C-alpha cells in the first residue's frame, strides 16, 4: 500500500516534469526559414534601391 502511495504521489508530477522538459517549443512565425528568407530578400532589394551606384542621374 505504501508503494502505491509513492507512485500516486510522485508519478504524475514526475510525468509532468518529463513532459515539460521533452516537449518541443513552438518556433515564432518571424523565426521560420521562410520568414528569414523574405526579410533577407527585402533587405537586399531595399539596399539595391538605395545604392548610390543604382541611381544614375543623367542630364
PDB file of N, CA and C in Angstrom:
ATOM      1  N   UNK A   1       0.819  -1.194   0.000  1.00  0.00           N
ATOM      2  CA  UNK A   1       0.000   0.000   0.000  1.00  0.00           C
ATOM      3  C   UNK A   1       0.863   1.259   0.000  1.00  0.00           C
ATOM      4  N   UNK A   2       1.972   1.211   0.713  1.00  0.00           N
ATOM      5  CA  UNK A   2       2.865   2.360   0.766  1.00  0.00           C
ATOM      6  C   UNK A   2       3.472   2.629  -0.612  1.00  0.00           C
ATOM      7  N   UNK A   3       3.792   1.571  -1.336  1.00  0.00           N
ATOM      8  CA  UNK A   3       4.357   1.718  -2.676  1.00  0.00           C
ATOM      9  C   UNK A   3       3.367   2.390  -3.611  1.00  0.00           C
ATOM     10  N   UNK A   4       2.107   2.010  -3.501  1.00  0.00           N
ATOM     11  CA  UNK A   4       1.070   2.639  -4.320  1.00  0.00           C
ATOM     12  C   UNK A   4       0.956   4.122  -3.998  1.00  0.00           C
ATOM     13  N   UNK A   5       1.067   4.475  -2.744  1.00  0.00           N
ATOM     14  CA  UNK A   5       1.017   5.886  -2.337  1.00  0.00           C
ATOM     15  C   UNK A   5       2.160   6.683  -2.940  1.00  0.00           C
ATOM     16  N   UNK A   6       3.372   6.113  -2.930  1.00  0.00           N
ATOM     17  CA  UNK A   6       4.517   6.796  -3.547  1.00  0.00           C
ATOM     18  C   UNK A   6       4.322   6.957  -5.049  1.00  0.00           C
ATOM     19  N   UNK A   7       3.807   5.928  -5.693  1.00  0.00           N
ATOM     20  CA  UNK A   7       3.580   6.007  -7.140  1.00  0.00           C
ATOM     21  C   UNK A   7       2.553   7.077  -7.463  1.00  0.00           C
ATOM     22  N   UNK A   8       1.487   7.135  -6.672  1.00  0.00           N
ATOM     23  CA  UNK A   8       0.439   8.135  -6.901  1.00  0.00           C
ATOM     24  C   UNK A   8       0.947   9.541  -6.572  1.00  0.00           C
ATOM     25  N   UNK A   9       1.778   9.668  -5.546  1.00  0.00           N
ATOM     26  CA  UNK A   9       2.258  10.990  -5.128  1.00  0.00           C
ATOM     27  C   UNK A   9       3.394  11.504  -6.005  1.00  0.00           C
ATOM     28  N   UNK A  10       4.222  10.616  -6.525  1.00  0.00           N
ATOM     29  CA  UNK A  10       5.402  11.050  -7.276  1.00  0.00           C
ATOM     30  C   UNK A  10       5.224  10.872  -8.778  1.00  0.00           C
ATOM     31  N   UNK A  11       4.411   9.927  -9.198  1.00  0.00           N
ATOM     32  CA  UNK A  11       4.249   9.631 -10.630  1.00  0.00           C
ATOM     33  C   UNK A  11       3.741  10.790 -11.468  1.00  0.00           C
ATOM     34  N   UNK A  12       2.577  11.358 -11.168  1.00  0.00           N
ATOM     35  CA  UNK A  12       2.063  12.458 -12.005  1.00  0.00           C
ATOM     36  C   UNK A  12       2.979  13.688 -12.064  1.00  0.00           C
ATOM     37  N   UNK A  13       3.503  14.181 -10.932  1.00  0.00           N
ATOM     38  CA  UNK A  13       4.416  15.327 -11.055  1.00  0.00           C
ATOM     39  C   UNK A  13       5.675  15.012 -11.867  1.00  0.00           C
ATOM     40  N   UNK A  14       6.174  13.793 -11.724  1.00  0.00           N
ATOM     41  CA  UNK A  14       7.342  13.390 -12.495  1.00  0.00           C
ATOM     42  C   UNK A  14       7.007  13.303 -13.984  1.00  0.00           C
ATOM     43  N   UNK A  15       5.833  12.801 -14.308  1.00  0.00           N
ATOM     44  CA  UNK A  15       5.403  12.730 -15.707  1.00  0.00           C
ATOM     45  C   UNK A  15       5.258  14.126 -16.295  1.00  0.00           C
ATOM     46  N   UNK A  16       4.707  15.046 -15.525  1.00  0.00           N
ATOM     47  CA  UNK A  16       4.567  16.435 -15.995  1.00  0.00           C
ATOM     48  C   UNK A  16       5.943  17.059 -16.203  1.00  0.00           C
ATOM     49  N   UNK A  17       6.853  16.839 -15.292  1.00  0.00           N
ATOM     50  CA  UNK A  17       8.208  17.386 -15.416  1.00  0.00           C
ATOM     51  C   UNK A  17       8.899  16.857 -16.663  1.00  0.00           C
ATOM     52  N   UNK A  18       8.808  15.567 -16.896  1.00  0.00           N
ATOM     53  CA  UNK A  18       9.428  14.976 -18.080  1.00  0.00           C
ATOM     54  C   UNK A  18       8.767  15.530 -19.344  1.00  0.00           C
ATOM     55  N   UNK A  19       7.447  15.663 -19.327  1.00  0.00           N
ATOM     56  CA  UNK A  19       6.740  16.209 -20.483  1.00  0.00           C
ATOM     57  C   UNK A  19       7.149  17.631 -20.799  1.00  0.00           C
ATOM     58  N   UNK A  20       7.321  18.450 -19.789  1.00  0.00           N
ATOM     59  CA  UNK A  20       7.721  19.848 -19.997  1.00  0.00           C
ATOM     60  C   UNK A  20       9.145  19.931 -20.540  1.00  0.00           C
ATOM     61  N   UNK A  21      10.022  19.092 -20.047  1.00  0.00           N
ATOM     62  CA  UNK A  21      11.417  19.130 -20.488  1.00  0.00           C
ATOM     63  C   UNK A  21      11.557  18.606 -21.911  1.00  0.00           C
ATOM     64  N   UNK A  22      10.801  17.575 -22.269  1.00  0.00           N
ATOM     65  CA  UNK A  22      10.970  16.916 -23.559  1.00  0.00           C
ATOM     66  C   UNK A  22      10.136  17.572 -24.667  1.00  0.00           C
ATOM     67  N   UNK A  23       9.012  18.197 -24.330  1.00  0.00           N
ATOM     68  CA  UNK A  23       8.098  18.756 -25.329  1.00  0.00           C
ATOM     69  C   UNK A  23       8.786  19.858 -26.127  1.00  0.00           C
ATOM     70  N   UNK A  24       8.729  19.830 -27.451  1.00  0.00           N
ATOM     71  CA  UNK A  24       9.400  20.867 -28.249  1.00  0.00           C
ATOM     72  C   UNK A  24       8.665  22.210 -28.159  1.00  0.00           C
ATOM     73  N   UNK A  25       9.419  23.278 -28.210  1.00  0.00           N
ATOM     74  CA  UNK A  25       8.826  24.613 -28.164  1.00  0.00           C
ATOM     75  C   UNK A  25       8.431  25.037 -29.575  1.00  0.00           C
ATOM     76  N   UNK A  26       7.434  25.908 -29.671  1.00  0.00           N
ATOM     77  CA  UNK A  26       6.996  26.405 -30.976  1.00  0.00           C
ATOM     78  C   UNK A  26       7.963  27.467 -31.464  1.00  0.00           C
ATOM     79  N   UNK A  27       8.204  27.466 -32.763  1.00  0.00           N
ATOM     80  CA  UNK A  27       9.070  28.470 -33.374  1.00  0.00           C
ATOM     81  C   UNK A  27       8.205  29.682 -33.700  1.00  0.00           C
ATOM     82  N   UNK A  28       8.605  30.879 -33.244  1.00  0.00           N
ATOM     83  CA  UNK A  28       7.828  32.076 -33.571  1.00  0.00           C
ATOM     84  C   UNK A  28       7.761  32.274 -35.089  1.00  0.00           C
ATOM     85  N   UNK A  29       6.652  32.816 -35.595  1.00  0.00           N
ATOM     86  CA  UNK A  29       6.484  32.970 -37.047  1.00  0.00           C
ATOM     87  C   UNK A  29       7.595  33.787 -37.713  1.00  0.00           C
ATOM     88  N   UNK A  30       8.165  34.756 -37.002  1.00  0.00           N
ATOM     89  CA  UNK A  30       9.208  35.566 -37.626  1.00  0.00           C
ATOM     90  C   UNK A  30      10.579  34.895 -37.570  1.00  0.00           C
ATOM     91  N   UNK A  31      10.665  33.702 -37.001  1.00  0.00           N
ATOM     92  CA  UNK A  31      11.931  32.970 -36.914  1.00  0.00           C
ATOM     93  C   UNK A  31      11.974  31.756 -37.830  1.00  0.00           C
ATOM     94  N   UNK A  32      10.974  31.563 -38.675  1.00  0.00           N
ATOM     95  CA  UNK A  32      10.979  30.428 -39.585  1.00  0.00           C
ATOM     96  C   UNK A  32      11.915  30.702 -40.756  1.00  0.00           C
ATOM     97  N   UNK A  33      12.264  29.665 -41.472  1.00  0.00           N
ATOM     98  CA  UNK A  33      13.169  29.799 -42.613  1.00  0.00           C
ATOM     99  C   UNK A  33      12.556  30.708 -43.668  1.00  0.00           C
ATOM    100  N   UNK A  34      11.273  30.529 -43.944  1.00  0.00           N
ATOM    101  CA  UNK A  34      10.611  31.358 -44.963  1.00  0.00           C
ATOM    102  C   UNK A  34      10.585  32.823 -44.564  1.00  0.00           C
ATOM    103  N   UNK A  35      10.304  33.108 -43.293  1.00  0.00           N
ATOM    104  CA  UNK A  35      10.250  34.499 -42.840  1.00  0.00           C
ATOM    105  C   UNK A  35      11.629  35.150 -42.918  1.00  0.00           C
ATOM    106  N   UNK A  36      12.652  34.424 -42.540  1.00  0.00           N
ATOM    107  CA  UNK A  36      14.012  34.971 -42.614  1.00  0.00           C
ATOM    108  C   UNK A  36      14.404  35.197 -44.067  1.00  0.00           C
ATOM    109  N   UNK A  37      14.042  34.259 -44.943  1.00  0.00           N
ATOM    110  CA  UNK A  37      14.346  34.407 -46.365  1.00  0.00           C
ATOM    111  C   UNK A  37      13.663  35.660 -46.936  1.00  0.00           C
ATOM    112  N   UNK A  38      12.382  35.855 -46.599  1.00  0.00           N
ATOM    113  CA  UNK A  38      11.665  37.042 -47.082  1.00  0.00           C
ATOM    114  C   UNK A  38      12.318  38.324 -46.570  1.00  0.00           C
ATOM    115  N   UNK A  39      12.729  38.318 -45.293  1.00  0.00           N
ATOM    116  CA  UNK A  39      13.353  39.506 -44.720  1.00  0.00           C
ATOM    117  C   UNK A  39      14.690  39.809 -45.394  1.00  0.00           C
ATOM    118  N   UNK A  40      15.488  38.785 -45.659  1.00  0.00           N
ATOM    119  CA  UNK A  40      16.780  38.989 -46.324  1.00  0.00           C
ATOM    120  C   UNK A  40      16.580  39.493 -47.745  1.00  0.00           C
ATOM    121  N   UNK A  41      15.617  38.902 -48.470  1.00  0.00           N
ATOM    122  CA  UNK A  41      15.347  39.362 -49.832  1.00  0.00           C
ATOM    123  C   UNK A  41      14.841  40.795 -49.830  1.00  0.00           C
ATOM    124  N   UNK A  42      14.014  41.144 -48.849  1.00  0.00           N
ATOM    125  CA  UNK A  42      13.502  42.508 -48.745  1.00  0.00           C
ATOM    126  C   UNK A  42      14.644  43.491 -48.472  1.00  0.00           C
ATOM    127  N   UNK A  43      15.540  43.119 -47.566  1.00  0.00           N
ATOM    128  CA  UNK A  43      16.678  43.993 -47.260  1.00  0.00           C
ATOM    129  C   UNK A  43      17.600  44.125 -48.465  1.00  0.00           C
ATOM    130  N   UNK A  44      17.784  43.031 -49.201  1.00  0.00           N
ATOM    131  CA  UNK A  44      18.631  43.080 -50.390  1.00  0.00           C
ATOM    132  C   UNK A  44      18.027  44.009 -51.428  1.00  0.00           C
ATOM    133  N   UNK A  45      16.725  43.894 -51.638  1.00  0.00           N
ATOM    134  CA  UNK A  45      16.040  44.772 -52.596  1.00  0.00           C
ATOM    135  C   UNK A  45      16.117  46.224 -52.133  1.00  0.00           C
ATOM    136  N   UNK A  46      15.930  46.468 -50.859  1.00  0.00           N
ATOM    137  CA  UNK A  46      15.989  47.828 -50.315  1.00  0.00           C
ATOM    138  C   UNK A  46      17.396  48.415 -50.495  1.00  0.00           C
ATOM    139  N   UNK A  47      18.429  47.617 -50.246  1.00  0.00           N
ATOM    140  CA  UNK A  47      19.804  48.092 -50.417  1.00  0.00           C
ATOM    141  C   UNK A  47      20.117  48.350 -51.889  1.00  0.00           C
ATOM    142  N   UNK A  48      19.539  47.549 -52.771  1.00  0.00           N
ATOM    143  CA  UNK A  48      19.765  47.741 -54.199  1.00  0.00           C
ATOM    144  C   UNK A  48      19.152  49.067 -54.647  1.00  0.00           C
ATOM    145  N   UNK A  49      17.987  49.412 -54.121  1.00  0.00           N
ATOM    146  CA  UNK A  49      17.319  50.667 -54.484  1.00  0.00           C
ATOM    147  C   UNK A  49      18.073  51.851 -53.904  1.00  0.00           C
ATOM    148  N   UNK A  50      18.588  51.720 -52.706  1.00  0.00           N
ATOM    149  CA  UNK A  50      19.278  52.833 -52.044  1.00  0.00           C
ATOM    150  C   UNK A  50      20.730  52.983 -52.471  1.00  0.00           C
ATOM    151  N   UNK A  51      21.279  52.012 -53.169  1.00  0.00           N
ATOM    152  CA  UNK A  51      22.682  52.022 -53.524  1.00  0.00           C
ATOM    153  C   UNK A  51      23.022  53.237 -54.394  1.00  0.00           C
ATOM    154  N   UNK A  52      24.129  53.933 -54.117  1.00  0.00           N
ATOM    155  CA  UNK A  52      24.500  55.096 -54.924  1.00  0.00           C
ATOM    156  C   UNK A  52      24.807  54.735 -56.376  1.00  0.00           C
ATOM    157  N   UNK A  53      25.267  53.532 -56.620  1.00  0.00           N
ATOM    158  CA  UNK A  53      25.569  53.132 -57.984  1.00  0.00           C
ATOM    159  C   UNK A  53      24.311  52.763 -58.751  1.00  0.00           C
ATOM    160  N   UNK A  54      23.222  52.482 -58.037  1.00  0.00           N
ATOM    161  CA  UNK A  54      21.986  52.092 -58.703  1.00  0.00           C
ATOM    162  C   UNK A  54      21.254  53.292 -59.278  1.00  0.00           C
ATOM    163  N   UNK A  55      21.415  54.434 -58.670  1.00  0.00           N
ATOM    164  CA  UNK A  55      20.717  55.623 -59.133  1.00  0.00           C
ATOM    165  C   UNK A  55      21.684  56.469 -59.967  1.00  0.00           C
ATOM    166  N   UNK A  56      21.617  56.298 -61.243  1.00  0.00           N
ATOM    167  CA  UNK A  56      22.494  57.054 -62.131  1.00  0.00           C
ATOM    168  C   UNK A  56      21.682  58.227 -62.672  1.00  0.00           C
ATOM    169  N   UNK A  57      22.168  59.428 -62.423  1.00  0.00           N
ATOM    170  CA  UNK A  57      21.451  60.625 -62.863  1.00  0.00           C
ATOM    171  C   UNK A  57      22.028  61.049 -64.199  1.00  0.00           C
ATOM    172  N   UNK A  58      21.153  61.199 -65.172  1.00  0.00           N
ATOM    173  CA  UNK A  58      21.594  61.628 -66.477  1.00  0.00           C
ATOM    174  C   UNK A  58      21.060  63.037 -66.759  1.00  0.00           C
ATOM    175  N   UNK A  59      21.827  63.796 -67.487  1.00  0.00           N
ATOM    176  CA  UNK A  59      21.329  65.093 -67.924  1.00  0.00           C
ATOM    177  C   UNK A  59      21.828  66.174 -67.136  1.00  0.00           C
TER     178      UNK A  59
END
